[in-house]
Amino acid sequence: MRSAGNVRMNNIRHADVMKHFLPAMRPQLIVYAGTSFLFVLVYVLGRLPISLLLYSLELSAFLFLMYLAFQYVRYVRRYRTITQLQQADLPRLDDLPVTANPADRLYVDKIADLLTERRELEKRYMEKEADQLDYFTLWLHQIKTPIAAISLLRQRLTDHEHESKQIAKELLRLEDYTGMALNYLKLEADGGDLDLAEVALDEVIKKAVRKYSILFIYNGIRLDYEPLGVKVLSDGRWLGVLIEQLLSNSLKYTDAGTVKIYMEPEETLVIEDSGIGIRPEDLPKVFNKGYSGLNGRLNEKSSGLGLYLSRRICRRLGHDLSIESAVGKGTKVRIRLGREEVSRFD
């Protein structure tokens, strides 16, 4: 039994078809009206019986309605085919209608040519995109080698402690941007399945803190964090990427301040900083791809990808991400670690 929604959709579809059908049949309607008028004129001038006139009008009306019904059925078929073409619903060229009308056959042949050309273009685009993805992935992996070499050379600068710390800071930024680019490519390529397991949150947080220890020291930032003793169901690798990205953001915009990491009810992890904060007009857009906001543009520290990737990772993990911030008072980022429906990268 069809639902009321489906019946309503069919009614709307036929109403739309009728709106196009009647104007298309306007010449035939005019011819029929003119012919009927001539019938009436002939019968009146010839003083023929009125019953014969009515019979002629009824017969012509019946035949004309039959003709309209036949034309309507043909029109509905053509209308549905055109609608499918507009929505790209035809999986094969064989699904295009076969018609005996020479003019329609020309249109069908042209549509077939356009569909073939479109598929060729799509195939070429996908191949080109795959080649570019392979190239950038290879390049990003290869650039890790000179980064590691520079890091080893930096460790030998024992007599230039200030320069050594500065190099370490810039190397960390370079590693961050490289890692962000790799994660972006993996997200865009719709990476593999999740490896869900119980993850000790403290291990993930401590690893991220160790990675950015040079920034805590160099920028005089105090860390307020006590072991949480919490385990969550998540993917340890992607959860680590997420926390590193959010911690990196806090450190970018906090000078000689404090970064706090703690838990709130409902398995909510909070990363709070006392940095410069985010303007109210920027807050609704911070998760948009490529959006850096005023702070990022003024300080030239933002790529516009960090929070975009963080939101996508959260969606993949089934977590929820939100931000609360005020200019001059700092920023709170909340990750609700409770399980929601896990989705693919989108």
C-alpha atoms as a PDB file:
ATOM      1  CA  MET A   1       0.000   0.000   0.000  1.00  0.00           C
ATOM      2  CA  ARG A   2       1.492   3.334  -1.013  1.00  0.00           C
ATOM      3  CA  SER A   3       1.984   6.023   1.593  1.00  0.00           C
ATOM      4  CA  ALA A   4       0.257   9.399   1.425  1.00  0.00           C
ATOM      5  CA  GLY A   5       3.672  10.993   0.801  1.00  0.00           C
ATOM      6  CA  ASN A   6       4.228   8.924  -2.343  1.00  0.00           C
ATOM      7  CA  VAL A   7       0.700   9.653  -3.632  1.00  0.00           C
ATOM      8  CA  ARG A   8       1.274  13.349  -3.038  1.00  0.00           C
ATOM      9  CA  MET A   9       4.574  13.230  -4.944  1.00  0.00           C
ATOM     10  CA  ASN A  10       2.851  11.552  -7.894  1.00  0.00           C
ATOM     11  CA  ASN A  11       0.098  14.191  -7.873  1.00  0.00           C
ATOM     12  CA  ILE A  12       2.637  16.971  -7.823  1.00  0.00           C
ATOM     13  CA  ARG A  13       4.537  15.324 -10.680  1.00  0.00           C
ATOM     14  CA  HIS A  14       1.434  15.038 -12.875  1.00  0.00           C
ATOM     15  CA  ALA A  15       0.404  18.570 -12.014  1.00  0.00           C
ATOM     16  CA  ASP A  16       3.832  19.780 -13.145  1.00  0.00           C
ATOM     17  CA  VAL A  17       3.546  17.757 -16.340  1.00  0.00           C
ATOM     18  CA  MET A  18       0.089  19.163 -17.039  1.00  0.00           C
ATOM     19  CA  LYS A  19       1.389  22.720 -16.627  1.00  0.00           C
ATOM     20  CA  HIS A  20       3.881  22.065 -19.406  1.00  0.00           C
ATOM     21  CA  PHE A  21       1.589  19.849 -21.502  1.00  0.00           C
ATOM     22  CA  LEU A  22      -1.287  22.293 -21.967  1.00  0.00           C
ATOM     23  CA  PRO A  23       0.895  25.128 -23.376  1.00  0.00           C
ATOM     24  CA  ALA A  24       2.581  22.569 -25.663  1.00  0.00           C
ATOM     25  CA  MET A  25      -0.857  21.567 -27.036  1.00  0.00           C
ATOM     26  CA  ARG A  26      -1.989  25.159 -27.536  1.00  0.00           C
ATOM     27  CA  PRO A  27      -1.882  24.986 -31.395  1.00  0.00           C
ATOM     28  CA  GLN A  28      -4.027  21.830 -31.415  1.00  0.00           C
ATOM     29  CA  LEU A  29      -6.496  23.391 -28.975  1.00  0.00           C
ATOM     30  CA  ILE A  30      -6.772  26.475 -31.165  1.00  0.00           C
ATOM     31  CA  VAL A  31      -7.333  24.330 -34.269  1.00  0.00           C
ATOM     32  CA  TYR A  32     -10.019  22.297 -32.462  1.00  0.00           C
ATOM     33  CA  ALA A  33     -11.781  25.452 -31.218  1.00  0.00           C
ATOM     34  CA  GLY A  34     -11.666  26.934 -34.738  1.00  0.00           C
ATOM     35  CA  THR A  35     -13.012  23.746 -36.294  1.00  0.00           C
ATOM     36  CA  SER A  36     -15.845  23.563 -33.780  1.00  0.00           C
ATOM     37  CA  PHE A  37     -16.746  27.172 -34.517  1.00  0.00           C
ATOM     38  CA  LEU A  38     -16.888  26.381 -38.270  1.00  0.00           C
ATOM     39  CA  PHE A  39     -19.153  23.379 -37.524  1.00  0.00           C
ATOM     40  CA  VAL A  40     -21.516  25.603 -35.588  1.00  0.00           C
ATOM     41  CA  LEU A  41     -21.433  28.280 -38.309  1.00  0.00           C
ATOM     42  CA  VAL A  42     -22.176  25.745 -41.086  1.00  0.00           C
ATOM     43  CA  TYR A  43     -25.056  24.176 -39.157  1.00  0.00           C
ATOM     44  CA  VAL A  44     -26.540  27.559 -38.280  1.00  0.00           C
ATOM     45  CA  LEU A  45     -26.265  28.964 -41.807  1.00  0.00           C
ATOM     46  CA  GLY A  46     -27.566  25.706 -43.344  1.00  0.00           C
ATOM     47  CA  ARG A  47     -30.346  25.536 -40.790  1.00  0.00           C
ATOM     48  CA  LEU A  48     -29.533  21.908 -40.111  1.00  0.00           C
ATOM     49  CA  PRO A  49     -31.109  20.040 -37.167  1.00  0.00           C
ATOM     50  CA  ILE A  50     -29.631  21.029 -33.776  1.00  0.00           C
ATOM     51  CA  SER A  51     -29.478  17.385 -32.756  1.00  0.00           C
ATOM     52  CA  LEU A  52     -27.110  16.690 -35.647  1.00  0.00           C
ATOM     53  CA  LEU A  53     -24.940  19.631 -34.540  1.00  0.00           C
ATOM     54  CA  LEU A  54     -24.765  18.340 -30.957  1.00  0.00           C
ATOM     55  CA  TYR A  55     -23.930  14.829 -32.183  1.00  0.00           C
ATOM     56  CA  SER A  56     -21.102  16.214 -34.371  1.00  0.00           C
ATOM     57  CA  LEU A  57     -19.710  18.273 -31.485  1.00  0.00           C
ATOM     58  CA  GLU A  58     -19.850  15.311 -29.090  1.00  0.00           C
ATOM     59  CA  LEU A  59     -18.148  13.008 -31.574  1.00  0.00           C
ATOM     60  CA  SER A  60     -15.420  15.534 -32.387  1.00  0.00           C
ATOM     61  CA  ALA A  61     -14.909  16.259 -28.671  1.00  0.00           C
ATOM     62  CA  PHE A  62     -14.580  12.515 -27.920  1.00  0.00           C
ATOM     63  CA  LEU A  63     -12.069  11.999 -30.739  1.00  0.00           C
ATOM     64  CA  PHE A  64     -10.113  15.089 -29.685  1.00  0.00           C
ATOM     65  CA  LEU A  65      -9.967  13.931 -26.036  1.00  0.00           C
ATOM     66  CA  MET A  66      -8.696  10.544 -27.208  1.00  0.00           C
ATOM     67  CA  TYR A  67      -6.029  12.337 -29.203  1.00  0.00           C
ATOM     68  CA  LEU A  68      -5.085  14.466 -26.160  1.00  0.00           C
ATOM     69  CA  ALA A  69      -4.871  11.359 -23.962  1.00  0.00           C
ATOM     70  CA  PHE A  70      -2.572   9.658 -26.457  1.00  0.00           C
ATOM     71  CA  GLN A  71      -0.390  12.780 -26.719  1.00  0.00           C
ATOM     72  CA  TYR A  72      -0.358  13.124 -22.920  1.00  0.00           C
ATOM     73  CA  VAL A  73       0.963   9.591 -22.448  1.00  0.00           C
ATOM     74  CA  ARG A  74       3.744  10.285 -24.946  1.00  0.00           C
ATOM     75  CA  TYR A  75       4.471  13.615 -23.292  1.00  0.00           C
ATOM     76  CA  VAL A  76       4.701  12.034 -19.816  1.00  0.00           C
ATOM     77  CA  ARG A  77       7.292   9.546 -21.090  1.00  0.00           C
ATOM     78  CA  ARG A  78       9.385  12.288 -22.629  1.00  0.00           C
ATOM     79  CA  TYR A  79       9.010  14.460 -19.528  1.00  0.00           C
ATOM     80  CA  ARG A  80      10.205  11.661 -17.226  1.00  0.00           C
ATOM     81  CA  THR A  81      13.155  10.929 -19.491  1.00  0.00           C
ATOM     82  CA  ILE A  82      14.211  14.597 -19.516  1.00  0.00           C
ATOM     83  CA  THR A  83      13.817  14.766 -15.727  1.00  0.00           C
ATOM     84  CA  GLN A  84      16.028  11.687 -15.327  1.00  0.00           C
ATOM     85  CA  LEU A  85      18.634  13.197 -17.603  1.00  0.00           C
ATOM     86  CA  GLN A  86      18.645  16.402 -15.547  1.00  0.00           C
ATOM     87  CA  GLN A  87      19.187  14.369 -12.375  1.00  0.00           C
ATOM     88  CA  ALA A  88      21.807  12.118 -14.020  1.00  0.00           C
ATOM     89  CA  ASP A  89      19.753   9.032 -13.076  1.00  0.00           C
ATOM     90  CA  LEU A  90      20.426   7.052 -16.276  1.00  0.00           C
ATOM     91  CA  PRO A  91      23.170   4.516 -15.489  1.00  0.00           C
ATOM     92  CA  ARG A  92      23.619   3.385 -19.097  1.00  0.00           C
ATOM     93  CA  LEU A  93      23.219   4.877 -22.530  1.00  0.00           C
ATOM     94  CA  ASP A  94      20.914   1.949 -23.342  1.00  0.00           C
ATOM     95  CA  ASP A  95      18.354   3.476 -20.981  1.00  0.00           C
ATOM     96  CA  LEU A  96      17.815   6.396 -23.345  1.00  0.00           C
ATOM     97  CA  PRO A  97      14.384   6.174 -25.013  1.00  0.00           C
ATOM     98  CA  VAL A  98      14.024   4.712 -28.502  1.00  0.00           C
ATOM     99  CA  THR A  99      11.850   6.913 -30.687  1.00  0.00           C
ATOM    100  CA  ALA A 100      10.618   6.799 -34.251  1.00  0.00           C
ATOM    101  CA  ASN A 101      10.395  10.574 -34.485  1.00  0.00           C
ATOM    102  CA  PRO A 102      13.394  11.781 -36.550  1.00  0.00           C
ATOM    103  CA  ALA A 103      13.653  15.049 -34.592  1.00  0.00           C
ATOM    104  CA  ASP A 104      13.519  13.227 -31.234  1.00  0.00           C
ATOM    105  CA  ARG A 105      16.072  10.728 -32.489  1.00  0.00           C
ATOM    106  CA  LEU A 106      18.499  13.583 -33.175  1.00  0.00           C
ATOM    107  CA  TYR A 107      18.029  14.834 -29.595  1.00  0.00           C
ATOM    108  CA  VAL A 108      18.567  11.354 -28.165  1.00  0.00           C
ATOM    109  CA  ASP A 109      21.734  10.862 -30.208  1.00  0.00           C
ATOM    110  CA  LYS A 110      23.045  14.240 -29.052  1.00  0.00           C
ATOM    111  CA  ILE A 111      22.295  13.391 -25.424  1.00  0.00           C
ATOM    112  CA  ALA A 112      24.096  10.072 -25.839  1.00  0.00           C
ATOM    113  CA  ASP A 113      27.147  11.903 -27.194  1.00  0.00           C
ATOM    114  CA  LEU A 114      27.072  14.350 -24.283  1.00  0.00           C
ATOM    115  CA  LEU A 115      26.764  11.537 -21.737  1.00  0.00           C
ATOM    116  CA  THR A 116      29.721   9.728 -23.286  1.00  0.00           C
ATOM    117  CA  GLU A 117      31.792  12.915 -23.266  1.00  0.00           C
ATOM    118  CA  ARG A 118      30.853  13.608 -19.670  1.00  0.00           C
ATOM    119  CA  ARG A 119      31.916  10.147 -18.535  1.00  0.00           C
ATOM    120  CA  GLU A 120      35.217  10.479 -20.338  1.00  0.00           C
ATOM    121  CA  LEU A 121      35.835  13.808 -18.614  1.00  0.00           C
ATOM    122  CA  GLU A 122      34.916  12.302 -15.222  1.00  0.00           C
ATOM    123  CA  LYS A 123      37.279   9.383 -15.825  1.00  0.00           C
ATOM    124  CA  ARG A 124      40.131  11.709 -16.805  1.00  0.00           C
ATOM    125  CA  TYR A 125      39.476  13.933 -13.785  1.00  0.00           C
ATOM    126  CA  MET A 126      39.511  10.971 -11.383  1.00  0.00           C
ATOM    127  CA  GLU A 127      42.767   9.680 -12.886  1.00  0.00           C
ATOM    128  CA  LYS A 128      44.341  13.126 -12.619  1.00  0.00           C
ATOM    129  CA  GLU A 129      43.157  13.494  -9.033  1.00  0.00           C
ATOM    130  CA  ALA A 130      44.560  10.064  -8.132  1.00  0.00           C
ATOM    131  CA  ASP A 131      47.931  10.982  -9.689  1.00  0.00           C
ATOM    132  CA  GLN A 132      48.051  14.253  -7.757  1.00  0.00           C
ATOM    133  CA  LEU A 133      47.134  12.474  -4.520  1.00  0.00           C
ATOM    134  CA  ASP A 134      49.889   9.910  -5.051  1.00  0.00           C
ATOM    135  CA  TYR A 135      52.420  12.670  -5.814  1.00  0.00           C
ATOM    136  CA  PHE A 136      51.604  14.809  -2.778  1.00  0.00           C
ATOM    137  CA  THR A 137      51.513  11.785  -0.488  1.00  0.00           C
ATOM    138  CA  LEU A 138      54.949  10.700  -1.723  1.00  0.00           C
ATOM    139  CA  TRP A 139      56.290  14.259  -1.417  1.00  0.00           C
ATOM    140  CA  LEU A 140      55.000  14.621   2.138  1.00  0.00           C
ATOM    141  CA  HIS A 141      56.580  11.325   3.164  1.00  0.00           C
ATOM    142  CA  GLN A 142      59.888  12.235   1.526  1.00  0.00           C
ATOM    143  CA  ILE A 143      60.079  15.648   3.184  1.00  0.00           C
ATOM    144  CA  LYS A 144      60.190  13.923   6.562  1.00  0.00           C
ATOM    145  CA  THR A 145      63.762  12.837   5.810  1.00  0.00           C
ATOM    146  CA  PRO A 146      65.275  16.361   5.604  1.00  0.00           C
ATOM    147  CA  ILE A 147      63.209  17.375   8.641  1.00  0.00           C
ATOM    148  CA  ALA A 148      64.751  14.525  10.634  1.00  0.00           C
ATOM    149  CA  ALA A 149      68.234  15.490   9.360  1.00  0.00           C
ATOM    150  CA  ILE A 150      67.759  19.127  10.419  1.00  0.00           C
ATOM    151  CA  SER A 151      66.584  17.935  13.817  1.00  0.00           C
ATOM    152  CA  LEU A 152      69.795  15.926  14.275  1.00  0.00           C
ATOM    153  CA  LEU A 153      71.924  18.894  13.206  1.00  0.00           C
ATOM    154  CA  ARG A 154      70.089  21.132  15.667  1.00  0.00           C
ATOM    155  CA  GLN A 155      71.058  18.837  18.553  1.00  0.00           C
ATOM    156  CA  ARG A 156      74.722  19.589  17.814  1.00  0.00           C
ATOM    157  CA  LEU A 157      74.272  23.333  18.361  1.00  0.00           C
ATOM    158  CA  THR A 158      75.249  23.095  22.016  1.00  0.00           C
ATOM    159  CA  ASP A 159      76.910  26.526  21.965  1.00  0.00           C
ATOM    160  CA  HIS A 160      73.888  28.308  20.531  1.00  0.00           C
ATOM    161  CA  GLU A 161      71.060  27.420  22.882  1.00  0.00           C
ATOM    162  CA  HIS A 162      68.730  30.245  21.819  1.00  0.00           C
ATOM    163  CA  GLU A 163      69.156  29.485  18.105  1.00  0.00           C
ATOM    164  CA  SER A 164      68.721  25.776  18.815  1.00  0.00           C
ATOM    165  CA  LYS A 165      65.391  26.366  20.555  1.00  0.00           C
ATOM    166  CA  GLN A 166      64.231  28.631  17.756  1.00  0.00           C
ATOM    167  CA  ILE A 167      65.107  25.974  15.167  1.00  0.00           C
ATOM    168  CA  ALA A 168      63.304  23.345  17.261  1.00  0.00           C
ATOM    169  CA  LYS A 169      60.217  25.540  17.379  1.00  0.00           C
ATOM    170  CA  GLU A 170      60.192  26.085  13.615  1.00  0.00           C
ATOM    171  CA  LEU A 171      60.844  22.379  12.994  1.00  0.00           C
ATOM    172  CA  LEU A 172      57.838  21.539  15.116  1.00  0.00           C
ATOM    173  CA  ARG A 173      55.713  23.897  13.058  1.00  0.00           C
ATOM    174  CA  LEU A 174      57.026  22.323   9.870  1.00  0.00           C
ATOM    175  CA  GLU A 175      56.222  18.842  11.186  1.00  0.00           C
ATOM    176  CA  ASP A 176      52.754  20.028  12.185  1.00  0.00           C
ATOM    177  CA  TYR A 177      51.991  21.394   8.721  1.00  0.00           C
ATOM    178  CA  THR A 178      53.358  18.249   7.094  1.00  0.00           C
ATOM    179  CA  GLY A 179      51.280  16.027   9.364  1.00  0.00           C
ATOM    180  CA  MET A 180      48.210  18.183   8.770  1.00  0.00           C
ATOM    181  CA  ALA A 181      48.639  17.855   5.015  1.00  0.00           C
ATOM    182  CA  LEU A 182      48.984  14.063   5.270  1.00  0.00           C
ATOM    183  CA  ASN A 183      45.892  13.797   7.464  1.00  0.00           C
ATOM    184  CA  TYR A 184      43.985  16.035   5.066  1.00  0.00           C
ATOM    185  CA  LEU A 185      44.892  13.746   2.154  1.00  0.00           C
ATOM    186  CA  LYS A 186      43.778  10.710   4.147  1.00  0.00           C
ATOM    187  CA  LEU A 187      40.485  12.375   4.990  1.00  0.00           C
ATOM    188  CA  GLU A 188      39.897  13.406   1.375  1.00  0.00           C
ATOM    189  CA  ALA A 189      40.770   9.891   0.202  1.00  0.00           C
ATOM    190  CA  ASP A 190      38.216   8.394   2.621  1.00  0.00           C
ATOM    191  CA  GLY A 191      40.660   6.405   4.702  1.00  0.00           C
ATOM    192  CA  GLY A 192      40.417   2.882   6.023  1.00  0.00           C
ATOM    193  CA  ASP A 193      38.207   1.491   8.746  1.00  0.00           C
ATOM    194  CA  LEU A 194      38.467   2.595  12.359  1.00  0.00           C
ATOM    195  CA  ASP A 195      40.430   0.559  14.860  1.00  0.00           C
ATOM    196  CA  LEU A 196      38.056   0.978  17.797  1.00  0.00           C
ATOM    197  CA  ALA A 197      39.310  -0.020  21.217  1.00  0.00           C
ATOM    198  CA  GLU A 198      39.449   1.160  24.813  1.00  0.00           C
ATOM    199  CA  VAL A 199      41.954   4.015  24.823  1.00  0.00           C
ATOM    200  CA  ALA A 200      43.648   5.390  27.950  1.00  0.00           C
ATOM    201  CA  LEU A 201      43.047   9.115  27.555  1.00  0.00           C
ATOM    202  CA  ASP A 202      46.051  10.064  29.708  1.00  0.00           C
ATOM    203  CA  GLU A 203      48.475   8.258  27.367  1.00  0.00           C
ATOM    204  CA  VAL A 204      47.129  10.169  24.348  1.00  0.00           C
ATOM    205  CA  ILE A 205      47.270  13.521  26.189  1.00  0.00           C
ATOM    206  CA  LYS A 206      50.778  12.967  27.567  1.00  0.00           C
ATOM    207  CA  LYS A 207      52.078  12.058  24.121  1.00  0.00           C
ATOM    208  CA  ALA A 208      50.671  15.303  22.712  1.00  0.00           C
ATOM    209  CA  VAL A 209      52.093  17.343  25.613  1.00  0.00           C
ATOM    210  CA  ARG A 210      55.553  15.808  25.120  1.00  0.00           C
ATOM    211  CA  LYS A 211      55.418  16.666  21.424  1.00  0.00           C
ATOM    212  CA  TYR A 212      54.748  20.334  22.181  1.00  0.00           C
ATOM    213  CA  SER A 213      56.925  20.621  25.294  1.00  0.00           C
ATOM    214  CA  ILE A 214      59.347  22.936  23.441  1.00  0.00           C
ATOM    215  CA  LEU A 215      56.489  25.397  22.832  1.00  0.00           C
ATOM    216  CA  PHE A 216      55.404  25.309  26.478  1.00  0.00           C
ATOM    217  CA  ILE A 217      58.963  26.112  27.527  1.00  0.00           C
ATOM    218  CA  TYR A 218      59.855  28.570  24.757  1.00  0.00           C
ATOM    219  CA  ASN A 219      56.636  30.617  25.073  1.00  0.00           C
ATOM    220  CA  GLY A 220      56.474  30.460  28.870  1.00  0.00           C
ATOM    221  CA  ILE A 221      53.110  28.696  28.910  1.00  0.00           C
ATOM    222  CA  ARG A 222      52.012  26.862  32.059  1.00  0.00           C
ATOM    223  CA  LEU A 223      50.264  23.502  31.750  1.00  0.00           C
ATOM    224  CA  ASP A 224      47.478  22.783  34.234  1.00  0.00           C
ATOM    225  CA  TYR A 225      46.798  19.074  33.921  1.00  0.00           C
ATOM    226  CA  GLU A 226      46.302  16.194  36.329  1.00  0.00           C
ATOM    227  CA  PRO A 227      45.959  12.556  35.232  1.00  0.00           C
ATOM    228  CA  LEU A 228      42.331  11.846  34.397  1.00  0.00           C
ATOM    229  CA  GLY A 229      42.251   8.082  34.785  1.00  0.00           C
ATOM    230  CA  VAL A 230      39.659   7.804  32.021  1.00  0.00           C
ATOM    231  CA  LYS A 231      39.316   5.232  29.263  1.00  0.00           C
ATOM    232  CA  VAL A 232      37.197   5.873  26.179  1.00  0.00           C
ATOM    233  CA  LEU A 233      36.077   3.821  23.196  1.00  0.00           C
ATOM    234  CA  SER A 234      37.793   5.400  20.212  1.00  0.00           C
ATOM    235  CA  ASP A 235      40.551   5.034  17.629  1.00  0.00           C
ATOM    236  CA  GLY A 236      43.779   5.830  19.463  1.00  0.00           C
ATOM    237  CA  ARG A 237      45.639   7.134  16.428  1.00  0.00           C
ATOM    238  CA  TRP A 238      42.954   9.523  15.191  1.00  0.00           C
ATOM    239  CA  LEU A 239      42.101  10.632  18.724  1.00  0.00           C
ATOM    240  CA  GLY A 240      45.788  11.506  19.162  1.00  0.00           C
ATOM    241  CA  VAL A 241      45.768  13.519  15.932  1.00  0.00           C
ATOM    242  CA  LEU A 242      42.667  15.356  17.149  1.00  0.00           C
ATOM    243  CA  ILE A 243      44.105  16.277  20.569  1.00  0.00           C
ATOM    244  CA  GLU A 244      47.448  17.296  19.042  1.00  0.00           C
ATOM    245  CA  GLN A 245      45.685  19.604  16.603  1.00  0.00           C
ATOM    246  CA  LEU A 246      43.574  21.261  19.299  1.00  0.00           C
ATOM    247  CA  LEU A 247      46.530  21.607  21.663  1.00  0.00           C
ATOM    248  CA  SER A 248      48.601  23.104  18.849  1.00  0.00           C
ATOM    249  CA  ASN A 249      45.867  25.679  18.219  1.00  0.00           C
ATOM    250  CA  SER A 250      45.836  26.677  21.893  1.00  0.00           C
ATOM    251  CA  LEU A 251      49.620  27.105  21.952  1.00  0.00           C
ATOM    252  CA  LYS A 252      49.621  29.216  18.779  1.00  0.00           C
ATOM    253  CA  TYR A 253      47.479  31.927  20.293  1.00  0.00           C
ATOM    254  CA  THR A 254      48.644  31.834  23.927  1.00  0.00           C
ATOM    255  CA  ASP A 255      51.746  33.728  25.071  1.00  0.00           C
ATOM    256  CA  ALA A 256      52.970  33.386  28.662  1.00  0.00           C
ATOM    257  CA  GLY A 257      49.529  32.127  29.690  1.00  0.00           C
ATOM    258  CA  THR A 258      47.982  28.857  30.804  1.00  0.00           C
ATOM    259  CA  VAL A 259      46.612  25.795  29.037  1.00  0.00           C
ATOM    260  CA  LYS A 260      44.272  23.597  31.086  1.00  0.00           C
ATOM    261  CA  ILE A 261      43.235  20.040  30.257  1.00  0.00           C
ATOM    262  CA  TYR A 262      40.443  18.505  32.338  1.00  0.00           C
ATOM    263  CA  MET A 263      37.219  16.510  32.206  1.00  0.00           C
ATOM    264  CA  GLU A 264      33.633  17.696  32.503  1.00  0.00           C
ATOM    265  CA  PRO A 265      30.511  15.534  32.999  1.00  0.00           C
ATOM    266  CA  GLU A 266      29.226  13.303  30.180  1.00  0.00           C
ATOM    267  CA  GLU A 267      32.744  12.202  29.189  1.00  0.00           C
ATOM    268  CA  THR A 268      33.647  15.665  27.934  1.00  0.00           C
ATOM    269  CA  LEU A 269      37.331  16.503  27.534  1.00  0.00           C
ATOM    270  CA  VAL A 270      38.123  20.227  27.753  1.00  0.00           C
ATOM    271  CA  ILE A 271      41.216  21.989  26.426  1.00  0.00           C
ATOM    272  CA  GLU A 272      41.118  25.550  27.742  1.00  0.00           C
ATOM    273  CA  ASP A 273      43.622  28.344  27.156  1.00  0.00           C
ATOM    274  CA  SER A 274      44.025  31.934  28.330  1.00  0.00           C
ATOM    275  CA  GLY A 275      44.987  33.159  24.863  1.00  0.00           C
ATOM    276  CA  ILE A 276      43.700  35.994  22.707  1.00  0.00           C
ATOM    277  CA  GLY A 277      40.325  34.350  22.042  1.00  0.00           C
ATOM    278  CA  ILE A 278      38.091  34.368  18.974  1.00  0.00           C
ATOM    279  CA  ARG A 279      35.775  37.170  17.855  1.00  0.00           C
ATOM    280  CA  PRO A 280      32.028  36.381  18.098  1.00  0.00           C
ATOM    281  CA  GLU A 281      31.585  36.948  14.356  1.00  0.00           C
ATOM    282  CA  ASP A 282      34.349  34.406  13.610  1.00  0.00           C
ATOM    283  CA  LEU A 283      33.051  31.634  15.889  1.00  0.00           C
ATOM    284  CA  PRO A 284      30.316  30.286  13.547  1.00  0.00           C
ATOM    285  CA  LYS A 285      32.883  29.960  10.724  1.00  0.00           C
ATOM    286  CA  VAL A 286      35.929  28.478  12.491  1.00  0.00           C
ATOM    287  CA  PHE A 287      35.115  24.943  11.291  1.00  0.00           C
ATOM    288  CA  ASN A 288      34.833  26.029   7.652  1.00  0.00           C
ATOM    289  CA  LYS A 289      37.526  24.761   5.316  1.00  0.00           C
ATOM    290  CA  GLY A 290      40.193  27.418   4.715  1.00  0.00           C
ATOM    291  CA  TYR A 291      38.724  29.944   7.178  1.00  0.00           C
ATOM    292  CA  SER A 292      41.407  31.453   9.427  1.00  0.00           C
ATOM    293  CA  GLY A 293      39.572  34.414  10.978  1.00  0.00           C
ATOM    294  CA  LEU A 294      41.087  37.745  11.936  1.00  0.00           C
ATOM    295  CA  ASN A 295      43.590  36.242  14.411  1.00  0.00           C
ATOM    296  CA  GLY A 296      44.994  33.869  11.810  1.00  0.00           C
ATOM    297  CA  ARG A 297      45.354  36.631   9.219  1.00  0.00           C
ATOM    298  CA  LEU A 298      47.012  39.074  11.613  1.00  0.00           C
ATOM    299  CA  ASN A 299      49.430  36.560  13.101  1.00  0.00           C
ATOM    300  CA  GLU A 300      49.954  34.539   9.886  1.00  0.00           C
ATOM    301  CA  LYS A 301      49.791  31.354  11.971  1.00  0.00           C
ATOM    302  CA  SER A 302      46.672  29.743  10.598  1.00  0.00           C
ATOM    303  CA  SER A 303      46.255  27.522   7.552  1.00  0.00           C
ATOM    304  CA  GLY A 304      42.480  27.408   7.922  1.00  0.00           C
ATOM    305  CA  LEU A 305      42.553  23.589   7.969  1.00  0.00           C
ATOM    306  CA  GLY A 306      43.169  22.703  11.620  1.00  0.00           C
ATOM    307  CA  LEU A 307      39.666  23.049  13.046  1.00  0.00           C
ATOM    308  CA  TYR A 308      38.117  21.847   9.779  1.00  0.00           C
ATOM    309  CA  LEU A 309      40.090  18.597  10.078  1.00  0.00           C
ATOM    310  CA  SER A 310      39.307  18.382  13.804  1.00  0.00           C
ATOM    311  CA  ARG A 311      35.575  18.533  13.149  1.00  0.00           C
ATOM    312  CA  ARG A 312      35.810  15.851  10.446  1.00  0.00           C
ATOM    313  CA  ILE A 313      37.893  13.571  12.675  1.00  0.00           C
ATOM    314  CA  CYS A 314      35.333  13.988  15.479  1.00  0.00           C
ATOM    315  CA  ARG A 315      32.507  13.047  13.150  1.00  0.00           C
ATOM    316  CA  ARG A 316      34.421   9.979  12.020  1.00  0.00           C
ATOM    317  CA  LEU A 317      35.091   8.921  15.599  1.00  0.00           C
ATOM    318  CA  GLY A 318      31.488   9.524  16.644  1.00  0.00           C
ATOM    319  CA  HIS A 319      32.473  12.328  19.033  1.00  0.00           C
ATOM    320  CA  ASP A 320      31.172  15.887  19.216  1.00  0.00           C
ATOM    321  CA  LEU A 321      33.300  19.054  19.039  1.00  0.00           C
ATOM    322  CA  SER A 322      32.324  22.535  20.204  1.00  0.00           C
ATOM    323  CA  ILE A 323      34.121  25.823  20.907  1.00  0.00           C
ATOM    324  CA  GLU A 324      33.425  28.599  23.378  1.00  0.00           C
ATOM    325  CA  SER A 325      35.573  31.729  23.261  1.00  0.00           C
ATOM    326  CA  ALA A 326      35.754  35.418  24.158  1.00  0.00           C
ATOM    327  CA  VAL A 327      38.263  37.988  22.929  1.00  0.00           C
ATOM    328  CA  GLY A 328      40.982  38.576  25.525  1.00  0.00           C
ATOM    329  CA  LYS A 329      39.667  35.828  27.827  1.00  0.00           C
ATOM    330  CA  GLY A 330      40.697  32.664  26.010  1.00  0.00           C
ATOM    331  CA  THR A 331      39.076  29.657  24.394  1.00  0.00           C
ATOM    332  CA  LYS A 332      37.473  26.425  25.567  1.00  0.00           C
ATOM    333  CA  VAL A 333      37.315  23.461  23.227  1.00  0.00           C
ATOM    334  CA  ARG A 334      35.060  20.602  24.304  1.00  0.00           C
ATOM    335  CA  ILE A 335      35.250  17.068  22.932  1.00  0.00           C
ATOM    336  CA  ARG A 336      32.297  14.967  24.018  1.00  0.00           C
ATOM    337  CA  LEU A 337      33.784  11.499  23.888  1.00  0.00           C
ATOM    338  CA  GLY A 338      30.525   9.603  24.345  1.00  0.00           C
ATOM    339  CA  ARG A 339      29.802   7.353  21.396  1.00  0.00           C
ATOM    340  CA  GLU A 340      27.532   8.572  18.645  1.00  0.00           C
ATOM    341  CA  GLU A 341      26.878   6.935  15.285  1.00  0.00           C
ATOM    342  CA  VAL A 342      30.204   6.402  13.559  1.00  0.00           C
ATOM    343  CA  SER A 343      30.359   7.819  10.032  1.00  0.00           C
ATOM    344  CA  ARG A 344      32.741   7.713   7.125  1.00  0.00           C
ATOM    345  CA  PHE A 345      34.789  10.770   6.259  1.00  0.00           C
ATOM    346  CA  ASP A 346      32.378  13.360   4.860  1.00  0.00           C
END
